[in-house]
Protein backbone atom coordinates (compact mmCIF):
# COMPACT_ATOMS: atom_id res chain seq x y z
CA MET A 1 2.25 -18.75 -13.75
CA LEU A 2 4.37 -19.56 -10.71
CA CYS A 3 2.91 -16.88 -8.42
CA LYS A 4 -0.83 -17.40 -7.92
CA LYS A 5 -1.62 -14.44 -5.61
CA LEU A 6 -0.13 -12.43 -2.80
CA HIS A 7 0.03 -14.42 0.41
CA HIS A 8 1.41 -11.57 2.54
CA ALA A 9 3.60 -8.51 2.61
CA ALA A 10 5.27 -7.68 5.92
CA PHE A 11 6.53 -4.60 7.71
CA ARG A 12 7.84 -3.93 11.18
CA CYS A 13 5.53 -2.49 13.83
CA ARG A 14 6.36 -0.86 17.14
CA ASP A 15 3.66 -2.65 19.19
CA ALA A 16 1.85 -5.82 18.12
CA ARG A 17 -1.20 -5.31 20.34
CA GLU A 18 -1.67 -1.72 19.14
CA THR A 19 -1.31 -2.96 15.55
CA VAL A 20 -3.91 -5.71 16.04
CA GLU A 21 -6.36 -3.24 17.52
CA PHE A 22 -5.83 -0.75 14.69
CA TYR A 23 -6.20 -3.19 11.78
CA THR A 24 -9.17 -5.03 13.25
CA ASN A 25 -11.05 -1.99 14.59
CA MET A 26 -10.22 0.63 11.96
CA LEU A 27 -10.17 -1.52 8.81
CA GLY A 28 -12.07 -4.63 9.84
CA LEU A 29 -9.32 -7.03 8.82
CA ARG A 30 -9.37 -10.50 10.33
CA PHE A 31 -6.52 -11.25 12.77
CA THR A 32 -5.69 -14.79 11.64
CA HIS A 33 -2.33 -15.83 12.99
CA ALA A 34 0.42 -14.95 15.45
CA MET A 35 3.68 -16.76 15.92
CA GLY A 36 6.94 -15.98 17.65
CA GLU A 37 10.48 -17.15 18.03
CA ASP A 38 13.61 -16.15 19.90
CA HIS A 39 15.70 -16.85 16.80
CA VAL A 40 14.87 -16.02 13.18
CA PRO A 41 13.97 -19.38 11.59
CA SER A 42 15.58 -18.58 8.22
CA THR A 43 18.88 -17.15 9.56
CA GLY A 44 19.27 -18.40 13.12
CA LYS A 45 19.93 -14.83 14.34
CA TYR A 46 18.87 -14.11 17.91
CA SER A 47 15.93 -11.73 17.60
CA PRO A 48 12.93 -12.34 19.85
CA HIS A 49 9.89 -11.35 17.81
CA VAL A 50 6.19 -11.85 17.20
CA HIS A 51 4.86 -12.15 13.65
CA ILE A 52 1.17 -11.25 13.20
CA PHE A 53 -1.11 -11.74 10.17
CA PHE A 54 -4.30 -10.05 8.97
CA GLU A 55 -6.48 -11.56 6.25
CA MET A 56 -8.48 -9.74 3.59
CA GLU A 57 -11.57 -10.96 1.77
CA ASP A 58 -9.58 -12.58 -1.07
CA GLY A 59 -7.42 -14.60 1.33
CA SER A 60 -4.32 -12.43 0.98
CA HIS A 61 -2.64 -11.08 4.11
CA ILE A 62 -0.58 -8.26 5.47
CA ALA A 63 1.79 -9.08 8.29
CA PHE A 64 3.93 -7.31 10.85
CA PHE A 65 6.90 -8.10 13.07
CA GLU A 66 7.41 -6.61 16.48
CA CYS A 67 11.10 -7.12 17.25
CA PRO A 68 11.99 -4.87 20.19
CA LEU A 69 15.66 -5.83 20.56
CA ASP A 70 16.65 -5.14 16.96
CA GLU A 71 18.19 -1.85 15.99
CA GLY A 72 16.64 0.20 13.26
CA GLU A 73 13.72 2.47 12.76
CA VAL A 74 11.32 1.73 15.60
CA SER A 75 8.40 3.03 13.55
CA GLY A 76 9.03 0.24 11.08
CA ARG A 77 9.51 2.60 8.15
CA ASP A 78 12.69 2.75 6.10
CA PRO A 79 14.12 6.13 7.24
CA LYS A 80 15.71 6.85 3.86
CA THR A 81 12.51 6.34 1.86
CA PRO A 82 10.07 9.27 1.60
CA GLY A 83 7.00 8.69 3.76
CA TRP A 84 4.60 8.65 0.81
CA ILE A 85 6.28 5.72 -0.98
CA GLN A 86 6.26 2.68 1.29
CA HIS A 87 2.63 1.74 1.89
CA PHE A 88 -0.05 -0.91 1.84
CA ALA A 89 -2.85 -0.25 -0.66
CA PHE A 90 -6.16 -2.01 -0.05
CA GLU A 91 -8.79 -2.18 -2.78
CA VAL A 92 -12.40 -1.40 -1.94
CA ALA A 93 -15.47 -2.20 -4.05
CA ASP A 94 -16.57 1.23 -5.28
CA MET A 95 -16.37 5.00 -4.85
CA GLU A 96 -19.33 5.08 -2.45
CA ILE A 97 -17.52 2.70 -0.09
CA LEU A 98 -14.28 4.70 -0.42
CA LEU A 99 -16.04 7.92 0.58
CA GLN A 100 -17.85 6.20 3.45
CA ALA A 101 -14.54 4.74 4.67
CA LYS A 102 -13.02 8.22 4.64
CA ALA A 103 -15.89 9.58 6.73
CA ASP A 104 -15.70 6.63 9.15
CA LEU A 105 -11.93 6.94 9.60
CA GLU A 106 -12.16 10.68 10.17
CA ALA A 107 -14.95 10.09 12.71
CA LYS A 108 -12.54 7.76 14.54
CA GLY A 109 -9.98 10.56 14.74
CA LEU A 110 -7.68 9.76 11.81
CA LYS A 111 -6.41 12.43 9.45
CA VAL A 112 -7.27 11.29 5.92
CA ILE A 113 -5.88 12.73 2.67
CA GLY A 114 -7.91 12.50 -0.52
CA PRO A 115 -9.67 11.26 -2.50
CA THR A 116 -6.89 11.55 -5.05
CA ASN A 117 -7.31 10.65 -8.72
CA HIS A 118 -4.42 8.67 -10.20
CA ASP A 119 -4.50 8.88 -14.00
CA ASP A 120 -8.21 7.95 -14.13
CA PHE A 121 -6.95 4.45 -13.21
CA ILE A 122 -7.68 4.47 -9.47
CA GLU A 123 -8.94 6.90 -6.83
CA SER A 124 -7.43 6.72 -3.34
CA ILE A 125 -7.45 8.00 0.22
CA TYR A 126 -4.42 7.92 2.53
CA PHE A 127 -3.79 7.75 6.28
CA PHE A 128 -1.25 6.30 8.75
CA ASP A 129 -1.31 3.39 11.19
CA PRO A 130 0.07 3.70 14.74
CA SER A 131 3.57 2.62 13.61
CA GLY A 132 3.71 5.32 10.95
CA HIS A 133 3.00 3.10 7.94
CA ARG A 134 1.12 4.89 5.20
CA LEU A 135 -2.08 3.13 4.19
CA GLU A 136 -4.14 3.59 1.06
CA LEU A 137 -7.71 2.61 0.33
CA THR A 138 -8.26 2.59 -3.41
CA VAL A 139 -11.00 1.90 -5.91
CA ARG A 140 -10.54 1.02 -9.57
CA THR A 141 -12.09 3.80 -11.63
CA CYS A 142 -11.19 2.55 -15.09
CA HIS A 143 -13.31 -0.34 -16.29
CA ASP A 144 -13.05 0.16 -20.06
CA PRO A 145 -11.10 -2.80 -21.51
CA LYS A 146 -9.66 -0.66 -24.34
CA ARG A 147 -8.41 1.96 -21.88
CA LEU A 148 -6.96 -0.71 -19.58
CA GLN A 149 -5.14 -2.21 -22.57
CA SER A 150 -3.78 1.24 -23.47
CA PHE A 151 -2.20 1.40 -19.99
CA VAL A 152 -0.52 -1.95 -20.65
CA ASP A 153 0.61 -0.87 -24.13
CA GLU A 154 2.10 2.45 -22.98
CA ALA A 155 3.89 1.09 -19.89
CA PRO A 156 7.09 0.25 -21.85
CA GLU A 157 7.08 3.78 -23.36
CA VAL A 158 6.68 5.37 -19.95
CA LEU A 159 9.55 3.29 -18.57
CA ALA A 160 11.74 4.10 -21.60
CA LEU A 161 11.11 7.83 -21.15
CA TRP A 162 12.00 7.52 -17.46
CA ASP A 163 15.20 5.61 -18.32
CA GLN A 164 16.22 8.42 -20.68
CA THR A 165 15.34 11.46 -18.59
CA HIS A 166 14.74 10.53 -14.91
CA ASP A 167 12.31 13.44 -14.82
CA TRP A 168 9.13 14.30 -16.65
CA SER A 169 10.42 17.25 -18.70
CA GLN A 170 9.68 15.36 -21.93
CA ARG A 171 6.44 13.69 -20.84
CA GLU A 172 4.64 15.08 -23.89
CA LYS A 173 6.41 12.38 -25.93
CA VAL A 174 4.17 9.82 -24.25
CA PHE A 175 1.20 11.81 -22.97
CA GLY A 176 0.95 14.68 -25.45
CA THR A 177 1.11 17.35 -22.73
CA GLN A 178 3.57 18.77 -20.18
CA SER A 179 1.24 17.95 -17.28
CA GLY A 180 -1.33 15.31 -16.52
CA TYR A 181 -1.93 12.18 -18.53
CA THR A 182 -3.78 13.33 -21.63
CA ARG A 183 -3.63 10.73 -24.35
CA SER A 184 -4.49 11.02 -28.00
CA GLU A 185 -7.49 8.80 -28.63
């Protein structure tokens, strides 16, 4: 396979220092690199910026750009995308750690939503960073190989139903019910 793993995903931030403090102090990520230019290396456009990187345990990174002279949404979020869509999701080891992280984040003053069950596939909590980016901590809750394979097998059916309807009014065709994700076993 060409792509071995995620190196980084990047968003805009409003303040690099504030972002470094948040991701290192709140989530314990390792601040691994910072670089800056007056011109964008790939386009040559004048845009003074700093590009900062945070590493996770598996070596993958998230990154941010502070680019104060560029127009656009200062918060770094796409203003036309609902706030719940664009997010970073970080995997944690187990449910106990997820619940402890929720308690720790709330103790540090963050408003945390969840835990939320997603199709018995993952369980997640949600909160926002100082730039308004939605963050998710998630734990895999499905470990049964047969069930995981059923998710893979049904994915084309789910997409086909979406292509046909663009709503879930006929979801029982895939899931056997009008709500939830009940599957015939």
